[in-house]
C-alpha atoms as a PDB file:
ATOM      1  CA  MET A   1     -23.046  14.317 -63.786  1.00  0.00           C
ATOM      2  CA  TYR A   2     -23.216  11.035 -65.743  1.00  0.00           C
ATOM      3  CA  LEU A   3     -24.633  11.387 -69.291  1.00  0.00           C
ATOM      4  CA  GLY A   4     -24.881   7.935 -70.802  1.00  0.00           C
ATOM      5  CA  ASP A   5     -21.340   6.938 -71.727  1.00  0.00           C
ATOM      6  CA  MET A   6     -19.549   9.907 -70.072  1.00  0.00           C
ATOM      7  CA  PHE A   7     -19.155  11.926 -66.908  1.00  0.00           C
ATOM      8  CA  GLU A   8     -19.405  15.686 -67.344  1.00  0.00           C
ATOM      9  CA  THR A   9     -19.059  18.671 -65.108  1.00  0.00           C
ATOM     10  CA  ARG A  10     -19.796  22.294 -66.114  1.00  0.00           C
ATOM     11  CA  ILE A  11     -17.918  25.073 -64.321  1.00  0.00           C
ATOM     12  CA  ASP A  12     -18.997  28.748 -64.724  1.00  0.00           C
ATOM     13  CA  ILE A  13     -16.020  31.064 -65.156  1.00  0.00           C
ATOM     14  CA  PRO A  14     -16.063  34.879 -64.956  1.00  0.00           C
ATOM     15  CA  SER A  15     -15.999  36.485 -68.406  1.00  0.00           C
ATOM     16  CA  ASN A  16     -12.722  38.321 -67.739  1.00  0.00           C
ATOM     17  CA  ALA A  17     -10.892  35.095 -66.831  1.00  0.00           C
ATOM     18  CA  ASP A  18      -9.658  33.934 -70.250  1.00  0.00           C
ATOM     19  CA  SER A  19      -5.921  34.502 -69.845  1.00  0.00           C
ATOM     20  CA  SER A  20      -5.820  33.700 -66.156  1.00  0.00           C
ATOM     21  CA  LEU A  21      -7.746  30.479 -66.789  1.00  0.00           C
ATOM     22  CA  PHE A  22      -5.178  29.230 -69.302  1.00  0.00           C
ATOM     23  CA  HIS A  23      -2.365  30.005 -66.923  1.00  0.00           C
ATOM     24  CA  LEU A  24      -4.175  28.411 -63.985  1.00  0.00           C
ATOM     25  CA  LEU A  25      -4.947  25.200 -65.909  1.00  0.00           C
ATOM     26  CA  ARG A  26      -1.299  24.815 -67.018  1.00  0.00           C
ATOM     27  CA  ALA A  27      -0.133  25.350 -63.465  1.00  0.00           C
ATOM     28  CA  PHE A  28      -2.748  22.922 -62.060  1.00  0.00           C
ATOM     29  CA  ALA A  29      -1.638  20.238 -64.520  1.00  0.00           C
ATOM     30  CA  GLN A  30       2.074  20.773 -63.820  1.00  0.00           C
ATOM     31  CA  ASP A  31       1.637  20.717 -60.038  1.00  0.00           C
ATOM     32  CA  ARG A  32      -0.094  17.374 -60.320  1.00  0.00           C
ATOM     33  CA  GLY A  33       2.254  15.749 -62.797  1.00  0.00           C
ATOM     34  CA  LEU A  34      -0.322  15.871 -65.598  1.00  0.00           C
ATOM     35  CA  THR A  35       0.498  16.429 -69.254  1.00  0.00           C
ATOM     36  CA  ILE A  36      -1.773  18.900 -70.941  1.00  0.00           C
ATOM     37  CA  ARG A  37      -2.190  19.166 -74.775  1.00  0.00           C
ATOM     38  CA  GLU A  38      -4.277  21.688 -76.615  1.00  0.00           C
ATOM     39  CA  MET A  39      -6.437  20.044 -79.253  1.00  0.00           C
ATOM     40  CA  ASP A  40      -8.523  21.254 -82.174  1.00  0.00           C
ATOM     41  CA  LEU A  41     -12.267  21.308 -81.591  1.00  0.00           C
ATOM     42  CA  LYS A  42     -14.274  21.904 -84.702  1.00  0.00           C
ATOM     43  CA  GLY A  43     -17.776  21.530 -83.166  1.00  0.00           C
ATOM     44  CA  ILE A  44     -17.703  24.767 -81.143  1.00  0.00           C
ATOM     45  CA  PRO A  45     -16.264  27.852 -82.923  1.00  0.00           C
ATOM     46  CA  GLY A  46     -13.908  29.791 -80.694  1.00  0.00           C
ATOM     47  CA  ALA A  47     -13.661  27.038 -78.104  1.00  0.00           C
ATOM     48  CA  VAL A  48     -10.366  25.799 -76.651  1.00  0.00           C
ATOM     49  CA  HIS A  49     -10.012  22.060 -75.905  1.00  0.00           C
ATOM     50  CA  TRP A  50      -7.377  20.213 -73.846  1.00  0.00           C
ATOM     51  CA  HIS A  51      -6.537  16.616 -73.089  1.00  0.00           C
ATOM     52  CA  LEU A  52      -4.922  15.949 -69.661  1.00  0.00           C
ATOM     53  CA  ASN A  53      -3.115  12.652 -68.994  1.00  0.00           C
ATOM     54  CA  LYS A  54      -1.250  11.230 -66.012  1.00  0.00           C
ATOM     55  CA  ASP A  55       2.032   9.638 -67.038  1.00  0.00           C
ATOM     56  CA  SER A  56       1.517   5.840 -67.344  1.00  0.00           C
ATOM     57  CA  TRP A  57      -1.986   5.855 -65.816  1.00  0.00           C
ATOM     58  CA  PRO A  58      -4.973   4.969 -68.098  1.00  0.00           C
ATOM     59  CA  GLY A  59      -7.506   7.704 -68.827  1.00  0.00           C
ATOM     60  CA  THR A  60      -7.903  11.134 -70.366  1.00  0.00           C
ATOM     61  CA  LEU A  61      -9.554  14.162 -68.781  1.00  0.00           C
ATOM     62  CA  GLU A  62     -10.978  16.483 -71.421  1.00  0.00           C
ATOM     63  CA  LEU A  63     -11.482  20.183 -70.759  1.00  0.00           C
ATOM     64  CA  THR A  64     -13.327  22.498 -73.102  1.00  0.00           C
ATOM     65  CA  TRP A  65     -13.417  26.277 -72.616  1.00  0.00           C
ATOM     66  CA  ASN A  66     -16.303  28.021 -74.402  1.00  0.00           C
ATOM     67  CA  SER A  67     -15.768  31.789 -74.081  1.00  0.00           C
ATOM     68  CA  GLN A  68     -19.158  32.530 -75.623  1.00  0.00           C
ATOM     69  CA  ASN A  69     -20.952  31.293 -72.449  1.00  0.00           C
ATOM     70  CA  ASN A  70     -18.022  31.529 -69.972  1.00  0.00           C
ATOM     71  CA  GLU A  71     -18.120  27.791 -69.273  1.00  0.00           C
ATOM     72  CA  LEU A  72     -15.404  25.196 -68.739  1.00  0.00           C
ATOM     73  CA  VAL A  73     -16.606  21.663 -69.268  1.00  0.00           C
ATOM     74  CA  ALA A  74     -14.663  18.758 -67.762  1.00  0.00           C
ATOM     75  CA  THR A  75     -15.439  15.416 -69.367  1.00  0.00           C
ATOM     76  CA  MET A  76     -14.455  11.766 -68.840  1.00  0.00           C
ATOM     77  CA  ARG A  77     -15.587   9.515 -71.650  1.00  0.00           C
ATOM     78  CA  SER A  78     -16.319   5.799 -71.009  1.00  0.00           C
ATOM     79  CA  ASN A  79     -13.554   4.768 -73.403  1.00  0.00           C
ATOM     80  CA  ARG A  80     -11.000   6.992 -71.633  1.00  0.00           C
ATOM     81  CA  GLN A  81     -11.751   6.301 -67.998  1.00  0.00           C
ATOM     82  CA  GLY A  82      -9.059   6.534 -65.349  1.00  0.00           C
ATOM     83  CA  ALA A  83      -9.179   6.121 -61.578  1.00  0.00           C
ATOM     84  CA  TRP A  84      -7.565   9.495 -61.076  1.00  0.00           C
ATOM     85  CA  ILE A  85      -9.948  11.560 -63.206  1.00  0.00           C
ATOM     86  CA  GLU A  86     -13.020  12.103 -60.953  1.00  0.00           C
ATOM     87  CA  ALA A  87     -10.866  13.234 -57.993  1.00  0.00           C
ATOM     88  CA  THR A  88      -8.981  15.538 -60.329  1.00  0.00           C
ATOM     89  CA  ILE A  89     -12.193  17.107 -61.603  1.00  0.00           C
ATOM     90  CA  LEU A  90     -13.320  17.681 -58.046  1.00  0.00           C
ATOM     91  CA  GLU A  91     -10.030  19.269 -57.160  1.00  0.00           C
ATOM     92  CA  LEU A  92     -10.089  21.431 -60.302  1.00  0.00           C
ATOM     93  CA  VAL A  93     -13.589  22.687 -59.444  1.00  0.00           C
ATOM     94  CA  HIS A  94     -12.338  23.531 -55.942  1.00  0.00           C
ATOM     95  CA  VAL A  95      -9.271  25.400 -57.256  1.00  0.00           C
ATOM     96  CA  LEU A  96     -11.240  27.333 -59.845  1.00  0.00           C
ATOM     97  CA  THR A  97     -13.944  28.189 -57.354  1.00  0.00           C
ATOM     98  CA  GLN A  98     -11.343  29.500 -54.856  1.00  0.00           C
ATOM     99  CA  HIS A  99      -9.477  31.390 -57.606  1.00  0.00           C
ATOM    100  CA  ASN A 100     -12.611  33.091 -58.938  1.00  0.00           C
ATOM    101  CA  ARG A 101     -14.080  34.071 -55.595  1.00  0.00           C
ATOM    102  CA  PRO A 102     -14.209  37.788 -55.005  1.00  0.00           C
ATOM    103  CA  PRO A 103     -11.843  39.068 -52.296  1.00  0.00           C
ATOM    104  CA  ILE A 104     -13.227  39.330 -48.780  1.00  0.00           C
ATOM    105  CA  GLU A 105     -13.548  42.941 -47.707  1.00  0.00           C
ATOM    106  CA  GLY A 106     -12.883  43.804 -44.146  1.00  0.00           C
END
């Protein structure tokens, strides 16, 4: 969703997914040749914030995990746009949705 000068997507994550989420994000980034850096985020106590970049491509994808409401927010700011970011957000949503789906019983 576009909010003024940025694009933002909110992804609900199960409350027990903290450690697996971190592992999954690192693997997602590595598999796609993205660098991932953990950053300080002073505005939300207890939140974890990452910046993802793609080698020499312009743009930064920001991810913020807020464990208080079990939400991962993917953000692309207007001053950090990159042609690769929107497709990467969509792919991340797909991967997280598949990963967090309950097993099919049969």
